[in-house]
Amino acid sequence: MKKIDLADNNDFFRGTVAPFARMNKTLLDFYSCNEAWLIRSRCASGVIVKLNTDAEELQFDIKFGSPAREIYTTDVAVDGVITTFDGAGTHTLKLTPGSKTITIYLPHLAILEKFDLFTNDNASAEPVIEKQHKLLVCGDSILQGMTCSTPSKANTVIASQVLGMHLYNTSVGGAKMEPTPVKATLDMGGENDIAVVGFGANDAAQKLDKDVFRAKTRQVLEYLNAFAGKSLIITPIPAMVELEERREEYCQIIREEHRNCSRVTLLEGSSFFPAGKEELYADKLHPNDEGMKIYAEGLIKAIRSL
């Protein structure tokens, strides 16, 4: 089998600043202050590998480090038809003869210590070059993809595929409203791109001082308002856990601060994600696969109306 050189060619990747890395240095430094954030920031959430090949056999060797969640799935789409592989080790996929496009959705909730990709010896393998605008997403666990069962079922992945955009997802589970990661994410975009920010659930869960939350929300909105492209901010979706008692208070602060930022679109999480439907949650807080579809639909509709 012939190894494809992914480590030295970022053209094979979507959603990375360097091969396998979705975060720039500012973001990595910011999220290195505690172990949970460090692990989550180094997961390849939203990252895909895309290539054109005439291979008749595809193989990948995978090894995991620490997980954000015990989910170790990899999705491989051949001309749009997805096969899901679970766990570490060597995985092989037999392919039909002829040219095809392969999209590999890397595991999104566990650190990748190794991902080596191979084809049969005489096969060609070239990166797919596409001119698409960026969808920049900066938020907490729900926008990172917790807790859907495979990477291609994450809300932002679904949205980017439907919209025909390159997803750059810098979301981190447990993150709160903070200006620094938002600014670092916006720095990766430009006038033709779209930025999505979604925080507040963890602020409510941790009872963050409301004046502090307001000040940080104001700064985040100022960054979004100054962004050259289009932007929207999402209020937290309904939950079925204790933070729900305070969610509306933090949503209201976002609404009030948003009034001063006319270039930013406000998307109410409760407007597209129904409250009280336990069948849409993995754990009464994070959407499951079906919940992720609903979230994606709300996001797609809002972006199309920008």
Protein backbone atom coordinates (compact mmCIF):
# COMPACT_ATOMS: atom_id res chain seq x y z
CA MET A 1 0.00 0.00 0.00
CA LYS A 2 1.12 3.57 -0.77
CA LYS A 3 1.02 6.20 1.97
CA ILE A 4 -0.45 9.60 1.11
CA ASP A 5 1.60 12.46 2.51
CA LEU A 6 -0.97 14.38 4.53
CA ALA A 7 1.43 15.82 7.08
CA ASP A 8 3.10 18.15 4.55
CA ASN A 9 0.13 19.11 2.38
CA ASN A 10 -2.67 21.18 3.90
CA ASP A 11 -4.46 21.22 0.52
CA PHE A 12 -5.93 17.83 1.44
CA PHE A 13 -7.67 19.40 4.45
CA ARG A 14 -10.72 21.53 5.09
CA GLY A 15 -11.04 23.47 8.32
CA THR A 16 -7.38 23.61 9.33
CA VAL A 17 -4.65 26.22 9.68
CA ALA A 18 -2.09 23.42 9.31
CA PRO A 19 -2.51 19.67 8.69
CA PHE A 20 -4.80 18.22 11.40
CA ALA A 21 -4.81 21.53 13.38
CA ARG A 22 -8.03 23.56 13.43
CA MET A 23 -6.72 26.16 15.91
CA ASN A 24 -4.19 28.92 15.36
CA LYS A 25 -1.59 29.70 18.05
CA THR A 26 -3.70 32.33 19.79
CA LEU A 27 -6.56 29.88 20.19
CA LEU A 28 -4.33 27.02 21.31
CA ASP A 29 -2.66 29.23 23.89
CA PHE A 30 -6.00 30.50 25.18
CA TYR A 31 -7.43 27.00 25.60
CA SER A 32 -4.33 25.58 27.28
CA CYS A 33 -5.25 26.92 30.72
CA ASN A 34 -7.01 23.72 31.85
CA GLU A 35 -6.87 20.09 30.80
CA ALA A 36 -10.46 19.78 29.61
CA TRP A 37 -10.16 22.75 27.26
CA LEU A 38 -6.73 21.61 26.11
CA ILE A 39 -8.12 18.21 25.05
CA ARG A 40 -11.20 19.66 23.37
CA SER A 41 -9.27 22.33 21.49
CA ARG A 42 -6.99 19.67 20.01
CA CYS A 43 -9.80 17.49 18.70
CA ALA A 44 -10.24 17.70 14.92
CA SER A 45 -13.85 18.86 15.17
CA GLY A 46 -15.22 19.75 11.75
CA VAL A 47 -11.99 18.81 9.96
CA ILE A 48 -12.20 16.80 6.76
CA VAL A 49 -9.71 15.30 4.31
CA LYS A 50 -10.80 15.47 0.68
CA LEU A 51 -9.16 13.87 -2.34
CA ASN A 52 -9.75 12.69 -5.88
CA THR A 53 -8.46 9.18 -6.54
CA ASP A 54 -8.79 6.15 -8.78
CA ALA A 55 -7.86 3.85 -5.90
CA GLU A 56 -9.59 0.49 -5.58
CA GLU A 57 -8.64 0.19 -1.92
CA LEU A 58 -8.42 2.80 0.81
CA GLN A 59 -6.85 2.12 4.17
CA PHE A 60 -6.25 4.25 7.24
CA ASP A 61 -4.41 3.60 10.48
CA ILE A 62 -5.69 5.55 13.44
CA LYS A 63 -4.61 5.98 17.05
CA PHE A 64 -6.39 8.08 19.65
CA GLY A 65 -5.21 10.16 22.54
CA SER A 66 -7.43 11.65 25.24
CA PRO A 67 -11.13 12.00 24.42
CA ALA A 68 -13.53 14.85 25.04
CA ARG A 69 -16.22 12.18 24.78
CA GLU A 70 -15.90 8.41 24.31
CA ILE A 71 -16.80 8.65 20.62
CA TYR A 72 -14.22 7.28 18.19
CA THR A 73 -15.98 7.25 14.82
CA THR A 74 -14.65 8.20 11.39
CA ASP A 75 -16.95 8.81 8.41
CA VAL A 76 -15.70 8.12 4.87
CA ALA A 77 -17.85 9.37 1.99
CA VAL A 78 -17.22 8.01 -1.50
CA ASP A 79 -19.00 10.27 -3.98
CA GLY A 80 -21.33 11.22 -1.15
CA VAL A 81 -22.11 7.72 0.14
CA ILE A 82 -20.93 7.44 3.77
CA THR A 83 -19.40 4.45 5.54
CA THR A 84 -18.74 4.78 9.27
CA PHE A 85 -15.76 3.15 10.99
CA ASP A 86 -15.46 2.86 14.75
CA GLY A 87 -12.38 2.75 16.94
CA ALA A 88 -8.62 2.73 16.57
CA GLY A 89 -6.50 0.42 14.43
CA THR A 90 -6.43 -0.30 10.71
CA HIS A 91 -9.57 0.17 8.63
CA THR A 92 -9.96 -0.83 4.98
CA LEU A 93 -12.54 0.16 2.39
CA LYS A 94 -12.80 -1.59 -1.00
CA LEU A 95 -13.66 0.76 -3.84
CA THR A 96 -15.05 0.34 -7.33
CA PRO A 97 -12.73 1.08 -10.29
CA GLY A 98 -12.56 4.57 -11.76
CA SER A 99 -12.21 8.11 -10.51
CA LYS A 100 -14.05 9.16 -7.37
CA THR A 101 -14.07 11.87 -4.73
CA ILE A 102 -13.42 10.76 -1.16
CA THR A 103 -14.26 12.88 1.86
CA ILE A 104 -13.00 11.71 5.25
CA TYR A 105 -14.67 13.28 8.28
CA LEU A 106 -12.05 12.97 11.00
CA PRO A 107 -13.10 11.91 14.52
CA HIS A 108 -14.42 15.03 16.20
CA LEU A 109 -14.36 14.33 19.94
CA ALA A 110 -11.02 12.62 20.61
CA ILE A 111 -7.44 13.70 19.99
CA LEU A 112 -5.80 12.02 17.01
CA GLU A 113 -2.33 10.78 17.85
CA LYS A 114 -1.98 9.17 14.43
CA PHE A 115 -3.91 9.17 11.18
CA ASP A 116 -2.10 7.58 8.24
CA LEU A 117 -3.88 7.19 4.91
CA PHE A 118 -3.01 4.64 2.20
CA THR A 119 -4.15 3.59 -1.28
CA ASN A 120 -3.14 0.64 -3.44
CA ASP A 121 0.32 1.16 -4.94
CA ASN A 122 -0.62 2.19 -8.47
CA ALA A 123 -3.41 4.61 -7.51
CA SER A 124 -3.42 8.37 -7.92
CA ALA A 125 -4.44 10.65 -5.07
CA GLU A 126 -4.74 14.42 -5.44
CA PRO A 127 -6.26 17.05 -3.16
CA VAL A 128 -9.58 18.54 -4.22
CA ILE A 129 -9.15 22.26 -4.88
CA GLU A 130 -12.35 24.20 -4.28
CA LYS A 131 -13.02 27.91 -4.11
CA GLN A 132 -15.58 28.20 -1.34
CA HIS A 133 -16.25 30.87 1.24
CA LYS A 134 -15.52 30.13 4.89
CA LEU A 135 -18.01 29.41 7.62
CA LEU A 136 -16.21 30.47 10.81
CA VAL A 137 -17.77 29.00 13.95
CA CYS A 138 -16.71 29.89 17.48
CA GLY A 139 -18.73 28.56 20.38
CA ASP A 140 -19.09 25.94 23.08
CA SER A 141 -19.76 22.19 23.14
CA ILE A 142 -22.95 22.20 21.08
CA LEU A 143 -21.21 23.94 18.18
CA GLN A 144 -18.19 21.67 18.62
CA GLY A 145 -20.44 18.70 17.89
CA MET A 146 -21.22 17.23 21.30
CA THR A 147 -22.76 14.78 21.35
CA CYS A 148 -23.63 13.34 17.96
CA SER A 149 -22.56 9.81 17.10
CA THR A 150 -20.33 10.52 14.09
CA PRO A 151 -18.49 13.61 12.82
CA SER A 152 -20.58 14.09 9.68
CA LYS A 153 -23.73 14.44 11.84
CA ALA A 154 -22.55 17.54 13.69
CA ASN A 155 -24.75 20.60 13.21
CA THR A 156 -22.04 22.83 11.74
CA VAL A 157 -20.78 20.09 9.42
CA ILE A 158 -24.28 19.53 8.05
CA ALA A 159 -24.75 23.28 7.61
CA SER A 160 -21.45 23.83 5.82
CA GLN A 161 -22.10 20.95 3.43
CA VAL A 162 -25.59 22.21 2.53
CA LEU A 163 -24.35 25.78 2.13
CA GLY A 164 -21.29 24.77 0.09
CA MET A 165 -18.85 26.46 2.47
CA HIS A 166 -15.53 25.54 4.07
CA LEU A 167 -16.09 25.02 7.78
CA TYR A 168 -13.52 26.39 10.24
CA ASN A 169 -14.76 25.34 13.67
CA THR A 170 -12.91 26.71 16.70
CA SER A 171 -15.60 25.75 19.22
CA VAL A 172 -14.59 24.18 22.53
CA GLY A 173 -16.79 22.32 24.98
CA GLY A 174 -17.12 24.14 28.28
CA ALA A 175 -16.12 27.51 26.82
CA LYS A 176 -17.78 30.71 27.99
CA MET A 177 -18.35 34.07 26.32
CA GLU A 178 -14.83 35.39 25.71
CA PRO A 179 -13.57 38.03 23.25
CA THR A 180 -10.10 36.54 22.63
CA PRO A 181 -11.10 33.32 20.83
CA VAL A 182 -13.75 35.16 18.84
CA LYS A 183 -11.23 37.74 17.60
CA ALA A 184 -8.70 34.99 16.77
CA THR A 185 -11.37 33.14 14.78
CA LEU A 186 -12.47 36.23 12.88
CA ASP A 187 -8.85 36.88 11.94
CA MET A 188 -9.03 33.74 9.78
CA GLY A 189 -11.82 35.20 7.65
CA GLY A 190 -12.59 38.03 5.25
CA GLU A 191 -15.32 39.97 3.50
CA ASN A 192 -16.89 37.01 1.70
CA ASP A 193 -17.05 34.79 4.77
CA ILE A 194 -19.66 34.22 7.48
CA ALA A 195 -18.97 34.09 11.21
CA VAL A 196 -21.18 32.33 13.76
CA VAL A 197 -20.74 32.75 17.52
CA GLY A 198 -22.62 30.81 20.17
CA PHE A 199 -21.91 31.08 23.91
CA GLY A 200 -23.88 31.56 27.11
CA ALA A 201 -24.92 28.10 28.29
CA ASN A 202 -21.76 27.57 30.35
CA ASP A 203 -21.95 31.12 31.66
CA ALA A 204 -25.45 30.39 32.93
CA ALA A 205 -24.45 26.98 34.30
CA GLN A 206 -21.54 28.49 36.23
CA LYS A 207 -23.57 31.54 37.33
CA LEU A 208 -21.05 33.94 35.84
CA ASP A 209 -21.45 37.45 37.20
CA LYS A 210 -23.92 39.15 34.88
CA ASP A 211 -21.97 42.39 34.65
CA VAL A 212 -18.90 40.42 33.58
CA PHE A 213 -20.97 38.50 31.06
CA ARG A 214 -22.41 41.73 29.70
CA ALA A 215 -18.98 43.32 29.26
CA LYS A 216 -17.61 40.26 27.46
CA THR A 217 -20.73 39.99 25.29
CA ARG A 218 -20.40 43.66 24.34
CA GLN A 219 -16.79 43.17 23.24
CA VAL A 220 -17.64 40.00 21.27
CA LEU A 221 -20.44 41.84 19.49
CA GLU A 222 -18.15 44.77 18.70
CA TYR A 223 -15.70 42.35 17.07
CA LEU A 224 -18.53 40.76 15.07
CA ASN A 225 -19.87 44.17 14.08
CA ALA A 226 -16.46 45.16 12.73
CA PHE A 227 -15.93 41.88 10.86
CA ALA A 228 -15.60 42.40 7.12
CA GLY A 229 -17.97 39.57 6.30
CA LYS A 230 -21.42 38.76 7.63
CA SER A 231 -21.99 37.51 11.15
CA LEU A 232 -24.57 36.17 13.55
CA ILE A 233 -24.72 35.41 17.25
CA ILE A 234 -26.87 32.60 18.65
CA THR A 235 -28.51 32.64 22.06
CA PRO A 236 -28.33 29.32 23.96
CA ILE A 237 -30.91 26.70 23.01
CA PRO A 238 -33.31 25.35 25.66
CA ALA A 239 -31.94 22.74 28.03
CA MET A 240 -33.51 20.19 30.37
CA VAL A 241 -30.98 20.63 33.18
CA GLU A 242 -30.55 23.11 36.03
CA LEU A 243 -29.02 25.90 33.94
CA GLU A 244 -32.38 26.34 32.19
CA GLU A 245 -33.54 28.32 35.24
CA ARG A 246 -31.04 31.07 34.32
CA ARG A 247 -30.71 30.69 30.55
CA GLU A 248 -33.22 33.42 29.72
CA GLU A 249 -31.38 35.97 31.90
CA TYR A 250 -28.20 35.50 29.87
CA CYS A 251 -30.12 35.45 26.59
CA GLN A 252 -31.62 38.81 27.53
CA ILE A 253 -28.18 40.32 28.07
CA ILE A 254 -27.14 39.17 24.59
CA ARG A 255 -30.31 40.75 23.16
CA GLU A 256 -29.72 44.04 24.93
CA GLU A 257 -26.10 44.33 23.84
CA HIS A 258 -26.98 43.27 20.31
CA ARG A 259 -29.12 46.38 19.84
CA ASN A 260 -25.97 48.44 19.43
CA CYS A 261 -24.50 46.22 16.69
CA SER A 262 -26.66 46.58 13.60
CA ARG A 263 -24.36 44.57 11.32
CA VAL A 264 -24.72 41.43 13.45
CA THR A 265 -27.74 39.14 13.08
CA LEU A 266 -29.27 37.76 16.27
CA LEU A 267 -30.51 34.16 16.08
CA GLU A 268 -32.63 33.02 18.99
CA GLY A 269 -31.82 29.41 19.88
CA SER A 270 -35.36 28.90 21.15
CA SER A 271 -36.78 30.00 17.79
CA PHE A 272 -35.55 26.87 16.00
CA PHE A 273 -34.83 24.32 18.76
CA PRO A 274 -37.96 23.18 20.61
CA ALA A 275 -37.99 23.09 24.40
CA GLY A 276 -38.93 20.06 26.47
CA LYS A 277 -38.37 17.35 23.85
CA GLU A 278 -36.09 14.88 25.58
CA GLU A 279 -35.88 12.72 22.43
CA LEU A 280 -33.72 15.45 20.82
CA TYR A 281 -31.01 15.37 23.50
CA ALA A 282 -28.15 13.01 24.21
CA ASP A 283 -28.09 14.03 27.88
CA LYS A 284 -30.82 16.68 28.36
CA LEU A 285 -28.28 19.35 27.38
CA HIS A 286 -26.45 18.41 24.18
CA PRO A 287 -28.39 17.52 21.02
CA ASN A 288 -28.27 13.94 19.74
CA ASP A 289 -28.15 13.11 16.02
CA GLU A 290 -31.76 14.16 15.48
CA GLY A 291 -31.29 17.29 17.55
CA MET A 292 -28.20 18.18 15.50
CA LYS A 293 -30.29 18.01 12.31
CA ILE A 294 -32.81 20.44 13.76
CA TYR A 295 -30.05 22.77 14.92
CA ALA A 296 -28.44 22.62 11.46
CA GLU A 297 -31.74 23.47 9.78
CA GLY A 298 -32.10 26.57 11.95
CA LEU A 299 -28.54 27.61 11.22
CA ILE A 300 -28.88 27.06 7.47
CA LYS A 301 -32.08 29.10 7.30
CA ALA A 302 -30.52 31.97 9.23
CA ILE A 303 -27.37 32.05 7.12
CA ARG A 304 -29.31 31.96 3.87
CA SER A 305 -31.28 35.00 5.01
CA LEU A 306 -28.16 37.10 5.75
